[in-house]
PDB file of N, CA and C in Angstrom:
ATOM      1  N   MET A   1      12.438 152.298  56.561  1.00  0.00           N
ATOM      2  CA  MET A   1      12.994 151.086  56.002  1.00  0.00           C
ATOM      3  C   MET A   1      12.309 150.818  54.661  1.00  0.00           C
ATOM      4  N   ALA A   2      12.653 151.622  53.664  1.00  0.00           N
ATOM      5  CA  ALA A   2      11.984 151.570  52.374  1.00  0.00           C
ATOM      6  C   ALA A   2      12.581 150.547  51.414  1.00  0.00           C
ATOM      7  N   ARG A   3      13.672 149.912  51.769  1.00  0.00           N
ATOM      8  CA  ARG A   3      14.299 148.943  50.877  1.00  0.00           C
ATOM      9  C   ARG A   3      13.443 147.679  50.779  1.00  0.00           C
ATOM     10  N   SER A   4      13.761 146.867  49.777  1.00  0.00           N
ATOM     11  CA  SER A   4      13.068 145.593  49.618  1.00  0.00           C
ATOM     12  C   SER A   4      13.383 144.687  50.801  1.00  0.00           C
ATOM     13  N   GLU A   5      12.360 144.167  51.428  1.00  0.00           N
ATOM     14  CA  GLU A   5      12.565 143.335  52.609  1.00  0.00           C
ATOM     15  C   GLU A   5      12.950 141.909  52.262  1.00  0.00           C
ATOM     16  N   ALA A   6      12.913 141.546  50.987  1.00  0.00           N
ATOM     17  CA  ALA A   6      13.261 140.184  50.577  1.00  0.00           C
ATOM     18  C   ALA A   6      14.733 139.880  50.818  1.00  0.00           C
ATOM     19  N   ASN A   7      15.577 140.895  50.762  1.00  0.00           N
ATOM     20  CA  ASN A   7      17.016 140.703  50.940  1.00  0.00           C
ATOM     21  C   ASN A   7      17.485 141.067  52.340  1.00  0.00           C
ATOM     22  N   GLN A   8      16.568 141.308  53.266  1.00  0.00           N
ATOM     23  CA  GLN A   8      16.933 141.726  54.611  1.00  0.00           C
ATOM     24  C   GLN A   8      16.517 140.680  55.631  1.00  0.00           C
ATOM     25  N   GLU A   9      17.367 140.539  56.634  1.00  0.00           N
ATOM     26  CA  GLU A   9      17.075 139.585  57.701  1.00  0.00           C
ATOM     27  C   GLU A   9      17.279 140.273  59.044  1.00  0.00           C
ATOM     28  N   VAL A  10      16.295 140.199  59.903  1.00  0.00           N
ATOM     29  CA  VAL A  10      16.419 140.761  61.246  1.00  0.00           C
ATOM     30  C   VAL A  10      17.208 139.770  62.089  1.00  0.00           C
ATOM     31  N   LEU A  11      18.383 140.203  62.539  1.00  0.00           N
ATOM     32  CA  LEU A  11      19.234 139.338  63.351  1.00  0.00           C
ATOM     33  C   LEU A  11      18.923 139.470  64.837  1.00  0.00           C
ATOM     34  N   ARG A  12      18.638 140.693  65.267  1.00  0.00           N
ATOM     35  CA  ARG A  12      18.328 140.936  66.675  1.00  0.00           C
ATOM     36  C   ARG A  12      17.309 142.059  66.763  1.00  0.00           C
ATOM     37  N   SER A  13      16.531 142.037  67.819  1.00  0.00           N
ATOM     38  CA  SER A  13      15.642 143.163  68.109  1.00  0.00           C
ATOM     39  C   SER A  13      15.518 143.281  69.617  1.00  0.00           C
ATOM     40  N   SER A  14      15.316 144.505  70.063  1.00  0.00           N
ATOM     41  CA  SER A  14      15.222 144.752  71.493  1.00  0.00           C
ATOM     42  C   SER A  14      14.563 146.110  71.708  1.00  0.00           C
ATOM     43  N   PHE A  15      14.474 146.500  72.966  1.00  0.00           N
ATOM     44  CA  PHE A  15      13.924 147.793  73.335  1.00  0.00           C
ATOM     45  C   PHE A  15      14.968 148.586  74.103  1.00  0.00           C
ATOM     46  N   THR A  16      14.978 149.911  73.911  1.00  0.00           N
ATOM     47  CA  THR A  16      15.840 150.791  74.691  1.00  0.00           C
ATOM     48  C   THR A  16      15.145 151.070  76.026  1.00  0.00           C
ATOM     49  N   PRO A  17      15.834 151.681  76.984  1.00  0.00           N
ATOM     50  CA  PRO A  17      15.167 152.044  78.239  1.00  0.00           C
ATOM     51  C   PRO A  17      13.979 152.992  78.034  1.00  0.00           C
ATOM     52  N   ASP A  18      14.000 153.775  76.945  1.00  0.00           N
ATOM     53  CA  ASP A  18      12.880 154.671  76.630  1.00  0.00           C
ATOM     54  C   ASP A  18      11.677 153.937  76.063  1.00  0.00           C
ATOM     55  N   GLY A  19      11.865 152.677  75.676  1.00  0.00           N
ATOM     56  CA  GLY A  19      10.781 151.909  75.085  1.00  0.00           C
ATOM     57  C   GLY A  19      10.792 151.882  73.570  1.00  0.00           C
ATOM     58  N   ASP A  20      11.819 152.480  72.946  1.00  0.00           N
ATOM     59  CA  ASP A  20      11.929 152.441  71.483  1.00  0.00           C
ATOM     60  C   ASP A  20      12.408 151.066  71.048  1.00  0.00           C
ATOM     61  N   ARG A  21      11.817 150.544  69.995  1.00  0.00           N
ATOM     62  CA  ARG A  21      12.225 149.241  69.462  1.00  0.00           C
ATOM     63  C   ARG A  21      13.372 149.454  68.491  1.00  0.00           C
ATOM     64  N   ILE A  22      14.467 148.705  68.664  1.00  0.00           N
ATOM     65  CA  ILE A  22      15.597 148.786  67.740  1.00  0.00           C
ATOM     66  C   ILE A  22      15.856 147.410  67.139  1.00  0.00           C
ATOM     67  N   PHE A  23      16.425 147.419  65.958  1.00  0.00           N
ATOM     68  CA  PHE A  23      16.693 146.193  65.216  1.00  0.00           C
ATOM     69  C   PHE A  23      18.129 146.190  64.719  1.00  0.00           C
ATOM     70  N   MET A  24      18.710 145.002  64.608  1.00  0.00           N
ATOM     71  CA  MET A  24      19.953 144.829  63.870  1.00  0.00           C
ATOM     72  C   MET A  24      19.592 143.976  62.662  1.00  0.00           C
ATOM     73  N   ILE A  25      19.820 144.520  61.482  1.00  0.00           N
ATOM     74  CA  ILE A  25      19.367 143.909  60.235  1.00  0.00           C
ATOM     75  C   ILE A  25      20.559 143.667  59.322  1.00  0.00           C
ATOM     76  N   PHE A  26      20.579 142.508  58.669  1.00  0.00           N
ATOM     77  CA  PHE A  26      21.588 142.233  57.644  1.00  0.00           C
ATOM     78  C   PHE A  26      20.941 142.394  56.281  1.00  0.00           C
ATOM     79  N   ASP A  27      21.533 143.238  55.454  1.00  0.00           N
ATOM     80  CA  ASP A  27      21.062 143.450  54.086  1.00  0.00           C
ATOM     81  C   ASP A  27      21.946 142.627  53.158  1.00  0.00           C
ATOM     82  N   ALA A  28      21.425 141.523  52.644  1.00  0.00           N
ATOM     83  CA  ALA A  28      22.204 140.604  51.812  1.00  0.00           C
ATOM     84  C   ALA A  28      22.574 141.219  50.466  1.00  0.00           C
ATOM     85  N   GLU A  29      21.772 142.141  49.987  1.00  0.00           N
ATOM     86  CA  GLU A  29      22.040 142.774  48.693  1.00  0.00           C
ATOM     87  C   GLU A  29      23.287 143.654  48.747  1.00  0.00           C
ATOM     88  N   THR A  30      23.423 144.440  49.808  1.00  0.00           N
ATOM     89  CA  THR A  30      24.564 145.354  49.935  1.00  0.00           C
ATOM     90  C   THR A  30      25.641 144.829  50.877  1.00  0.00           C
ATOM     91  N   LYS A  31      25.395 143.694  51.533  1.00  0.00           N
ATOM     92  CA  LYS A  31      26.344 143.087  52.481  1.00  0.00           C
ATOM     93  C   LYS A  31      26.686 144.051  53.626  1.00  0.00           C
ATOM     94  N   VAL A  32      25.652 144.666  54.172  1.00  0.00           N
ATOM     95  CA  VAL A  32      25.813 145.653  55.233  1.00  0.00           C
ATOM     96  C   VAL A  32      24.928 145.268  56.412  1.00  0.00           C
ATOM     97  N   TYR A  33      25.453 145.486  57.606  1.00  0.00           N
ATOM     98  CA  TYR A  33      24.686 145.297  58.836  1.00  0.00           C
ATOM     99  C   TYR A  33      24.189 146.671  59.265  1.00  0.00           C
ATOM    100  N   ARG A  34      22.899 146.774  59.559  1.00  0.00           N
ATOM    101  CA  ARG A  34      22.308 148.059  59.920  1.00  0.00           C
ATOM    102  C   ARG A  34      21.648 147.980  61.292  1.00  0.00           C
ATOM    103  N   VAL A  35      21.731 149.092  61.995  1.00  0.00           N
ATOM    104  CA  VAL A  35      20.979 149.268  63.234  1.00  0.00           C
ATOM    105  C   VAL A  35      19.873 150.259  62.892  1.00  0.00           C
ATOM    106  N   ALA A  36      18.648 149.920  63.259  1.00  0.00           N
ATOM    107  CA  ALA A  36      17.504 150.730  62.841  1.00  0.00           C
ATOM    108  C   ALA A  36      16.409 150.724  63.897  1.00  0.00           C
ATOM    109  N   THR A  37      15.527 151.712  63.786  1.00  0.00           N
ATOM    110  CA  THR A  37      14.263 151.683  64.511  1.00  0.00           C
ATOM    111  C   THR A  37      13.198 151.285  63.496  1.00  0.00           C
ATOM    112  N   ARG A  38      11.954 151.320  63.905  1.00  0.00           N
ATOM    113  CA  ARG A  38      10.876 151.001  62.961  1.00  0.00           C
ATOM    114  C   ARG A  38      10.779 152.035  61.847  1.00  0.00           C
ATOM    115  N   TRP A  39      11.265 153.255  62.105  1.00  0.00           N
ATOM    116  CA  TRP A  39      11.040 154.352  61.180  1.00  0.00           C
ATOM    117  C   TRP A  39      12.285 154.827  60.444  1.00  0.00           C
ATOM    118  N   ALA A  40      13.478 154.512  60.938  1.00  0.00           N
ATOM    119  CA  ALA A  40      14.686 155.083  60.319  1.00  0.00           C
ATOM    120  C   ALA A  40      15.887 154.163  60.467  1.00  0.00           C
ATOM    121  N   TRP A  41      16.763 154.227  59.455  1.00  0.00           N
ATOM    122  CA  TRP A  41      18.071 153.580  59.568  1.00  0.00           C
ATOM    123  C   TRP A  41      18.930 154.476  60.446  1.00  0.00           C
ATOM    124  N   LEU A  42      19.610 153.913  61.426  1.00  0.00           N
ATOM    125  CA  LEU A  42      20.431 154.717  62.321  1.00  0.00           C
ATOM    126  C   LEU A  42      21.908 154.662  61.958  1.00  0.00           C
ATOM    127  N   ALA A  43      22.412 153.479  61.647  1.00  0.00           N
ATOM    128  CA  ALA A  43      23.834 153.340  61.306  1.00  0.00           C
ATOM    129  C   ALA A  43      24.026 152.068  60.502  1.00  0.00           C
ATOM    130  N   ALA A  44      25.089 152.064  59.688  1.00  0.00           N
ATOM    131  CA  ALA A  44      25.425 150.890  58.879  1.00  0.00           C
ATOM    132  C   ALA A  44      26.873 150.502  59.153  1.00  0.00           C
ATOM    133  N   PHE A  45      27.136 149.199  59.179  1.00  0.00           N
ATOM    134  CA  PHE A  45      28.468 148.682  59.482  1.00  0.00           C
ATOM    135  C   PHE A  45      28.822 147.562  58.519  1.00  0.00           C
ATOM    136  N   ASP A  46      30.106 147.471  58.172  1.00  0.00           N
ATOM    137  CA  ASP A  46      30.582 146.368  57.337  1.00  0.00           C
ATOM    138  C   ASP A  46      30.823 145.112  58.164  1.00  0.00           C
ATOM    139  N   SER A  47      31.105 145.291  59.451  1.00  0.00           N
ATOM    140  CA  SER A  47      31.442 144.180  60.338  1.00  0.00           C
ATOM    141  C   SER A  47      30.267 143.832  61.248  1.00  0.00           C
ATOM    142  N   VAL A  48      29.981 142.558  61.360  1.00  0.00           N
ATOM    143  CA  VAL A  48      28.913 142.125  62.261  1.00  0.00           C
ATOM    144  C   VAL A  48      29.283 142.431  63.710  1.00  0.00           C
ATOM    145  N   TRP A  49      30.574 142.391  64.036  1.00  0.00           N
ATOM    146  CA  TRP A  49      31.015 142.645  65.411  1.00  0.00           C
ATOM    147  C   TRP A  49      30.779 144.102  65.792  1.00  0.00           C
ATOM    148  N   ASP A  50      31.084 145.020  64.883  1.00  0.00           N
ATOM    149  CA  ASP A  50      30.834 146.434  65.155  1.00  0.00           C
ATOM    150  C   ASP A  50      29.336 146.709  65.261  1.00  0.00           C
ATOM    151  N   ALA A  51      28.552 146.071  64.413  1.00  0.00           N
ATOM    152  CA  ALA A  51      27.098 146.246  64.469  1.00  0.00           C
ATOM    153  C   ALA A  51      26.542 145.723  65.795  1.00  0.00           C
ATOM    154  N   CYS A  52      27.063 144.591  66.261  1.00  0.00           N
ATOM    155  CA  CYS A  52      26.618 144.040  67.552  1.00  0.00           C
ATOM    156  C   CYS A  52      26.973 144.979  68.697  1.00  0.00           C
ATOM    157  N   ASP A  53      28.190 145.534  68.662  1.00  0.00           N
ATOM    158  CA  ASP A  53      28.589 146.481  69.708  1.00  0.00           C
ATOM    159  C   ASP A  53      27.678 147.703  69.708  1.00  0.00           C
ATOM    160  N   ALA A  54      27.390 148.239  68.529  1.00  0.00           N
ATOM    161  CA  ALA A  54      26.516 149.408  68.429  1.00  0.00           C
ATOM    162  C   ALA A  54      25.105 149.073  68.911  1.00  0.00           C
ATOM    163  N   PHE A  55      24.601 147.922  68.519  1.00  0.00           N
ATOM    164  CA  PHE A  55      23.261 147.502  68.930  1.00  0.00           C
ATOM    165  C   PHE A  55      23.187 147.389  70.452  1.00  0.00           C
ATOM    166  N   GLU A  56      24.185 146.733  71.055  1.00  0.00           N
ATOM    167  CA  GLU A  56      24.165 146.544  72.508  1.00  0.00           C
ATOM    168  C   GLU A  56      24.317 147.865  73.247  1.00  0.00           C
ATOM    169  N   ALA A  57      25.133 148.776  72.728  1.00  0.00           N
ATOM    170  CA  ALA A  57      25.274 150.083  73.370  1.00  0.00           C
ATOM    171  C   ALA A  57      23.964 150.868  73.270  1.00  0.00           C
ATOM    172  N   MET A  58      23.331 150.854  72.100  1.00  0.00           N
ATOM    173  CA  MET A  58      22.059 151.570  71.937  1.00  0.00           C
ATOM    174  C   MET A  58      20.962 150.966  72.802  1.00  0.00           C
ATOM    175  N   GLU A  59      21.033 149.652  72.980  1.00  0.00           N
ATOM    176  CA  GLU A  59      20.052 148.943  73.794  1.00  0.00           C
ATOM    177  C   GLU A  59      20.080 149.427  75.247  1.00  0.00           C
ATOM    178  N   LEU A  60      21.238 149.879  75.704  1.00  0.00           N
ATOM    179  CA  LEU A  60      21.399 150.283  77.097  1.00  0.00           C
ATOM    180  C   LEU A  60      21.331 151.791  77.312  1.00  0.00           C
ATOM    181  N   MET A  61      21.186 152.570  76.231  1.00  0.00           N
ATOM    182  CA  MET A  61      21.193 154.029  76.352  1.00  0.00           C
ATOM    183  C   MET A  61      19.823 154.611  76.023  1.00  0.00           C
ATOM    184  N   ASP A  62      19.558 155.792  76.577  1.00  0.00           N
ATOM    185  CA  ASP A  62      18.305 156.495  76.300  1.00  0.00           C
ATOM    186  C   ASP A  62      18.381 157.185  74.948  1.00  0.00           C
ATOM    187  N   GLY A  63      17.300 157.120  74.205  1.00  0.00           N
ATOM    188  CA  GLY A  63      17.202 157.851  72.949  1.00  0.00           C
ATOM    189  C   GLY A  63      17.811 157.128  71.772  1.00  0.00           C
ATOM    190  N   ALA A  64      17.003 156.451  70.999  1.00  0.00           N
ATOM    191  CA  ALA A  64      17.488 155.758  69.801  1.00  0.00           C
ATOM    192  C   ALA A  64      17.319 156.692  68.612  1.00  0.00           C
ATOM    193  N   ASP A  65      18.309 157.568  68.392  1.00  0.00           N
ATOM    194  CA  ASP A  65      18.245 158.478  67.260  1.00  0.00           C
ATOM    195  C   ASP A  65      19.555 158.441  66.477  1.00  0.00           C
ATOM    196  N   ARG A  66      19.562 159.117  65.352  1.00  0.00           N
ATOM    197  CA  ARG A  66      20.722 159.081  64.465  1.00  0.00           C
ATOM    198  C   ARG A  66      21.945 159.733  65.111  1.00  0.00           C
ATOM    199  N   ARG A  67      21.755 160.773  65.903  1.00  0.00           N
ATOM    200  CA  ARG A  67      22.880 161.450  66.571  1.00  0.00           C
ATOM    201  C   ARG A  67      23.580 160.485  67.527  1.00  0.00           C
ATOM    202  N   LEU A  68      22.821 159.750  68.308  1.00  0.00           N
ATOM    203  CA  LEU A  68      23.402 158.762  69.215  1.00  0.00           C
ATOM    204  C   LEU A  68      24.127 157.680  68.424  1.00  0.00           C
ATOM    205  N   ALA A  69      23.520 157.216  67.347  1.00  0.00           N
ATOM    206  CA  ALA A  69      24.153 156.187  66.512  1.00  0.00           C
ATOM    207  C   ALA A  69      25.461 156.695  65.915  1.00  0.00           C
ATOM    208  N   ASP A  70      25.491 157.970  65.506  1.00  0.00           N
ATOM    209  CA  ASP A  70      26.724 158.547  64.959  1.00  0.00           C
ATOM    210  C   ASP A  70      27.826 158.599  66.012  1.00  0.00           C
ATOM    211  N   LEU A  71      27.470 158.956  67.242  1.00  0.00           N
ATOM    212  CA  LEU A  71      28.470 159.003  68.317  1.00  0.00           C
ATOM    213  C   LEU A  71      29.005 157.607  68.633  1.00  0.00           C
ATOM    214  N   ILE A  72      28.127 156.627  68.667  1.00  0.00           N
ATOM    215  CA  ILE A  72      28.558 155.248  68.928  1.00  0.00           C
ATOM    216  C   ILE A  72      29.462 154.756  67.807  1.00  0.00           C
ATOM    217  N   LYS A  73      29.093 155.040  66.572  1.00  0.00           N
ATOM    218  CA  LYS A  73      29.905 154.619  65.426  1.00  0.00           C
ATOM    219  C   LYS A  73      31.273 155.298  65.463  1.00  0.00           C
ATOM    220  N   LEU A  74      31.304 156.561  65.840  1.00  0.00           N
ATOM    221  CA  LEU A  74      32.567 157.298  65.961  1.00  0.00           C
ATOM    222  C   LEU A  74      33.479 156.647  66.996  1.00  0.00           C
ATOM    223  N   GLU A  75      32.914 156.254  68.127  1.00  0.00           N
ATOM    224  CA  GLU A  75      33.713 155.605  69.172  1.00  0.00           C
ATOM    225  C   GLU A  75      34.173 154.216  68.752  1.00  0.00           C
ATOM    226  N   ILE A  76      33.342 153.482  68.040  1.00  0.00           N
ATOM    227  CA  ILE A  76      33.738 152.150  67.562  1.00  0.00           C
ATOM    228  C   ILE A  76      34.916 152.271  66.607  1.00  0.00           C
ATOM    229  N   LYS A  77      34.888 153.295  65.747  1.00  0.00           N
ATOM    230  CA  LYS A  77      36.004 153.515  64.820  1.00  0.00           C
ATOM    231  C   LYS A  77      37.257 153.995  65.552  1.00  0.00           C
ATOM    232  N   ARG A  78      37.076 154.794  66.612  1.00  0.00           N
ATOM    233  CA  ARG A  78      38.219 155.371  67.324  1.00  0.00           C
ATOM    234  C   ARG A  78      38.982 154.323  68.128  1.00  0.00           C
ATOM    235  N   VAL A  79      38.275 153.421  68.762  1.00  0.00           N
ATOM    236  CA  VAL A  79      38.910 152.428  69.630  1.00  0.00           C
ATOM    237  C   VAL A  79      38.965 151.091  68.892  1.00  0.00           C
ATOM    238  N   PRO A  80      40.150 150.662  68.476  1.00  0.00           N
ATOM    239  CA  PRO A  80      40.250 149.390  67.743  1.00  0.00           C
ATOM    240  C   PRO A  80      39.794 148.209  68.595  1.00  0.00           C
ATOM    241  N   ARG A  81      39.259 147.213  67.937  1.00  0.00           N
ATOM    242  CA  ARG A  81      38.776 146.020  68.626  1.00  0.00           C
ATOM    243  C   ARG A  81      39.906 145.337  69.391  1.00  0.00           C
ATOM    244  N   SER A  82      41.132 145.431  68.896  1.00  0.00           N
ATOM    245  CA  SER A  82      42.263 144.774  69.564  1.00  0.00           C
ATOM    246  C   SER A  82      42.503 145.338  70.959  1.00  0.00           C
ATOM    247  N   HIS A  83      42.106 146.592  71.200  1.00  0.00           N
ATOM    248  CA  HIS A  83      42.264 147.173  72.537  1.00  0.00           C
ATOM    249  C   HIS A  83      41.330 146.515  73.545  1.00  0.00           C
ATOM    250  N   ALA A  84      40.284 145.876  73.064  1.00  0.00           N
ATOM    251  CA  ALA A  84      39.312 145.239  73.952  1.00  0.00           C
ATOM    252  C   ALA A  84      39.546 143.738  74.074  1.00  0.00           C
ATOM    253  N   ALA A  85      40.672 143.252  73.554  1.00  0.00           N
ATOM    254  CA  ALA A  85      40.923 141.807  73.548  1.00  0.00           C
ATOM    255  C   ALA A  85      41.012 141.233  74.958  1.00  0.00           C
ATOM    256  N   THR A  86      41.498 142.020  75.900  1.00  0.00           N
ATOM    257  CA  THR A  86      41.653 141.521  77.266  1.00  0.00           C
ATOM    258  C   THR A  86      40.432 141.807  78.144  1.00  0.00           C
ATOM    259  N   LEU A  87      39.463 142.516  77.609  1.00  0.00           N
ATOM    260  CA  LEU A  87      38.276 142.841  78.391  1.00  0.00           C
ATOM    261  C   LEU A  87      37.329 141.652  78.422  1.00  0.00           C
ATOM    262  N   ILE A  88      36.608 141.534  79.513  1.00  0.00           N
ATOM    263  CA  ILE A  88      35.670 140.421  79.646  1.00  0.00           C
ATOM    264  C   ILE A  88      34.245 140.956  79.768  1.00  0.00           C
ATOM    265  N   GLY A  89      33.313 140.120  79.400  1.00  0.00           N
ATOM    266  CA  GLY A  89      31.905 140.474  79.553  1.00  0.00           C
ATOM    267  C   GLY A  89      31.520 141.718  78.780  1.00  0.00           C
ATOM    268  N   MET A  90      30.870 142.623  79.448  1.00  0.00           N
ATOM    269  CA  MET A  90      30.343 143.833  78.814  1.00  0.00           C
ATOM    270  C   MET A  90      31.285 145.025  78.961  1.00  0.00           C
ATOM    271  N   GLU A  91      32.566 144.796  79.251  1.00  0.00           N
ATOM    272  CA  GLU A  91      33.476 145.918  79.473  1.00  0.00           C
ATOM    273  C   GLU A  91      33.656 146.776  78.225  1.00  0.00           C
ATOM    274  N   ARG A  92      33.694 146.163  77.030  1.00  0.00           N
ATOM    275  CA  ARG A  92      33.821 146.967  75.803  1.00  0.00           C
ATOM    276  C   ARG A  92      32.586 147.840  75.618  1.00  0.00           C
ATOM    277  N   ILE A  93      31.412 147.275  75.824  1.00  0.00           N
ATOM    278  CA  ILE A  93      30.171 148.036  75.665  1.00  0.00           C
ATOM    279  C   ILE A  93      30.097 149.133  76.719  1.00  0.00           C
ATOM    280  N   SER A  94      30.482 148.815  77.940  1.00  0.00           N
ATOM    281  CA  SER A  94      30.490 149.806  79.010  1.00  0.00           C
ATOM    282  C   SER A  94      31.435 150.957  78.669  1.00  0.00           C
ATOM    283  N   GLY A  95      32.594 150.634  78.128  1.00  0.00           N
ATOM    284  CA  GLY A  95      33.544 151.667  77.709  1.00  0.00           C
ATOM    285  C   GLY A  95      32.982 152.534  76.594  1.00  0.00           C
ATOM    286  N   LEU A  96      32.305 151.911  75.635  1.00  0.00           N
ATOM    287  CA  LEU A  96      31.676 152.677  74.551  1.00  0.00           C
ATOM    288  C   LEU A  96      30.634 153.642  75.107  1.00  0.00           C
ATOM    289  N   ILE A  97      29.818 153.150  76.014  1.00  0.00           N
ATOM    290  CA  ILE A  97      28.766 153.987  76.597  1.00  0.00           C
ATOM    291  C   ILE A  97      29.378 155.150  77.371  1.00  0.00           C
ATOM    292  N   ASP A  98      30.433 154.892  78.147  1.00  0.00           N
ATOM    293  CA  ASP A  98      31.104 155.965  78.889  1.00  0.00           C
ATOM    294  C   ASP A  98      31.629 157.041  77.945  1.00  0.00           C
ATOM    295  N   CYS A  99      32.269 156.619  76.860  1.00  0.00           N
ATOM    296  CA  CYS A  99      32.826 157.577  75.898  1.00  0.00           C
ATOM    297  C   CYS A  99      31.727 158.383  75.209  1.00  0.00           C
ATOM    298  N   VAL A 100      30.639 157.736  74.849  1.00  0.00           N
ATOM    299  CA  VAL A 100      29.530 158.437  74.196  1.00  0.00           C
ATOM    300  C   VAL A 100      28.900 159.436  75.160  1.00  0.00           C
ATOM    301  N   GLU A 101      28.744 159.061  76.419  1.00  0.00           N
ATOM    302  CA  GLU A 101      28.191 159.989  77.409  1.00  0.00           C
ATOM    303  C   GLU A 101      29.099 161.200  77.591  1.00  0.00           C
ATOM    304  N   LYS A 102      30.414 160.992  77.570  1.00  0.00           N
ATOM    305  CA  LYS A 102      31.348 162.124  77.676  1.00  0.00           C
ATOM    306  C   LYS A 102      31.216 163.036  76.466  1.00  0.00           C
ATOM    307  N   ARG A 103      31.068 162.454  75.275  1.00  0.00           N
ATOM    308  CA  ARG A 103      30.879 163.274  74.070  1.00  0.00           C
ATOM    309  C   ARG A 103      29.558 164.044  74.148  1.00  0.00           C
ATOM    310  N   ARG A 104      28.525 163.431  74.692  1.00  0.00           N
ATOM    311  CA  ARG A 104      27.237 164.121  74.852  1.00  0.00           C
ATOM    312  C   ARG A 104      27.354 165.299  75.815  1.00  0.00           C
ATOM    313  N   CYS A 105      28.291 165.209  76.760  1.00  0.00           N
ATOM    314  CA  CYS A 105      28.500 166.278  77.741  1.00  0.00           C
ATOM    315  C   CYS A 105      29.415 167.379  77.212  1.00  0.00           C
ATOM    316  N   GLY A 106      29.828 167.285  75.952  1.00  0.00           N
ATOM    317  CA  GLY A 106      30.637 168.342  75.361  1.00  0.00           C
ATOM    318  C   GLY A 106      32.133 168.135  75.476  1.00  0.00           C
ATOM    319  N   LEU A 107      32.566 166.916  75.712  1.00  0.00           N
ATOM    320  CA  LEU A 107      33.996 166.636  75.797  1.00  0.00           C
ATOM    321  C   LEU A 107      34.449 165.899  74.544  1.00  0.00           C
ATOM    322  N   ARG A 108      35.752 165.944  74.284  1.00  0.00           N
ATOM    323  CA  ARG A 108      36.323 165.178  73.179  1.00  0.00           C
ATOM    324  C   ARG A 108      37.599 164.517  73.668  1.00  0.00           C
ATOM    325  N   PRO A 109      37.953 163.369  73.094  1.00  0.00           N
ATOM    326  CA  PRO A 109      39.158 162.669  73.551  1.00  0.00           C
ATOM    327  C   PRO A 109      40.421 163.296  72.971  1.00  0.00           C
ATOM    328  N   GLN A 110      41.463 163.308  73.780  1.00  0.00           N
ATOM    329  CA  GLN A 110      42.779 163.724  73.310  1.00  0.00           C
ATOM    330  C   GLN A 110      43.748 162.619  73.700  1.00  0.00           C
ATOM    331  N   SER A 111      44.372 162.027  72.696  1.00  0.00           N
ATOM    332  CA  SER A 111      45.320 160.938  72.944  1.00  0.00           C
ATOM    333  C   SER A 111      46.676 161.521  73.287  1.00  0.00           C
ATOM    334  N   CYS A 112      47.319 160.931  74.269  1.00  0.00           N
ATOM    335  CA  CYS A 112      48.649 161.372  74.659  1.00  0.00           C
ATOM    336  C   CYS A 112      49.412 160.170  75.203  1.00  0.00           C
ATOM    337  N   GLY A 113      50.639 160.372  75.573  1.00  0.00           N
ATOM    338  CA  GLY A 113      51.458 159.265  76.040  1.00  0.00           C
ATOM    339  C   GLY A 113      52.092 158.544  74.874  1.00  0.00           C
ATOM    340  N   SER A 114      52.960 157.609  75.195  1.00  0.00           N
ATOM    341  CA  SER A 114      53.601 156.856  74.125  1.00  0.00           C
ATOM    342  C   SER A 114      52.567 155.984  73.429  1.00  0.00           C
ATOM    343  N   LYS A 115      52.574 155.981  72.131  1.00  0.00           N
ATOM    344  CA  LYS A 115      51.656 155.195  71.296  1.00  0.00           C
ATOM    345  C   LYS A 115      50.192 155.562  71.549  1.00  0.00           C
ATOM    346  N   ALA A 116      49.957 156.776  72.004  1.00  0.00           N
ATOM    347  CA  ALA A 116      48.595 157.256  72.277  1.00  0.00           C
ATOM    348  C   ALA A 116      47.843 156.315  73.208  1.00  0.00           C
ATOM    349  N   SER A 117      48.555 155.814  74.209  1.00  0.00           N
ATOM    350  CA  SER A 117      47.959 154.834  75.113  1.00  0.00           C
ATOM    351  C   SER A 117      47.116 155.465  76.217  1.00  0.00           C
ATOM    352  N   VAL A 118      47.214 156.780  76.369  1.00  0.00           N
ATOM    353  CA  VAL A 118      46.456 157.475  77.401  1.00  0.00           C
ATOM    354  C   VAL A 118      45.471 158.417  76.714  1.00  0.00           C
ATOM    355  N   VAL A 119      44.243 158.404  77.171  1.00  0.00           N
ATOM    356  CA  VAL A 119      43.226 159.292  76.613  1.00  0.00           C
ATOM    357  C   VAL A 119      42.711 160.179  77.730  1.00  0.00           C
ATOM    358  N   CYS A 120      42.800 161.490  77.516  1.00  0.00           N
ATOM    359  CA  CYS A 120      42.179 162.417  78.462  1.00  0.00           C
ATOM    360  C   CYS A 120      41.061 163.139  77.714  1.00  0.00           C
ATOM    361  N   TRP A 121      40.049 163.518  78.438  1.00  0.00           N
ATOM    362  CA  TRP A 121      38.882 164.154  77.833  1.00  0.00           C
ATOM    363  C   TRP A 121      38.939 165.639  78.117  1.00  0.00           C
ATOM    364  N   ILE A 122      38.893 166.446  77.056  1.00  0.00           N
ATOM    365  CA  ILE A 122      38.979 167.898  77.174  1.00  0.00           C
ATOM    366  C   ILE A 122      37.718 168.515  76.572  1.00  0.00           C
ATOM    367  N   PRO A 123      37.409 169.760  76.962  1.00  0.00           N
ATOM    368  CA  PRO A 123      36.217 170.404  76.386  1.00  0.00           C
ATOM    369  C   PRO A 123      36.348 170.560  74.872  1.00  0.00           C
ATOM    370  N   ALA A 124      35.281 170.254  74.169  1.00  0.00           N
ATOM    371  CA  ALA A 124      35.257 170.418  72.712  1.00  0.00           C
ATOM    372  C   ALA A 124      35.036 171.890  72.387  1.00  0.00           C
ATOM    373  N   ILE A 125      35.680 172.342  71.346  1.00  0.00           N
ATOM    374  CA  ILE A 125      35.538 173.737  70.927  1.00  0.00           C
ATOM    375  C   ILE A 125      34.464 173.809  69.855  1.00  0.00           C
ATOM    376  N   GLY A 126      33.532 174.719  70.030  1.00  0.00           N
ATOM    377  CA  GLY A 126      32.493 174.932  69.015  1.00  0.00           C
ATOM    378  C   GLY A 126      31.391 174.049  69.220  1.00  0.00           C
TER     379      GLY A 126
END
């Protein structure tokens, strides 16, 4: 976190199950929300809602590293927020975690059905 701290505000902080400390930081200079550890920036988001989802998912998963943050960010971009409008409580975060765990296991989503409403997980190539 080498940037000037005068323009940054820590919005949330917590620990992962591994004991790593993670932060959600707002950078007023660049108008970006970041998820970070003490030593590295993990992901940046334009939306506070996406940053909160990523922070909460990382808070519940093992290993706070850039690869995990990239997978979470990929899933947040893949599944529009409007699809979670009817979900209650932590269902959106739970869904994100499930999808990230499937990607960690070597699977990738394939959309099918009308309007890509059905997602099946198939082995990733390469």
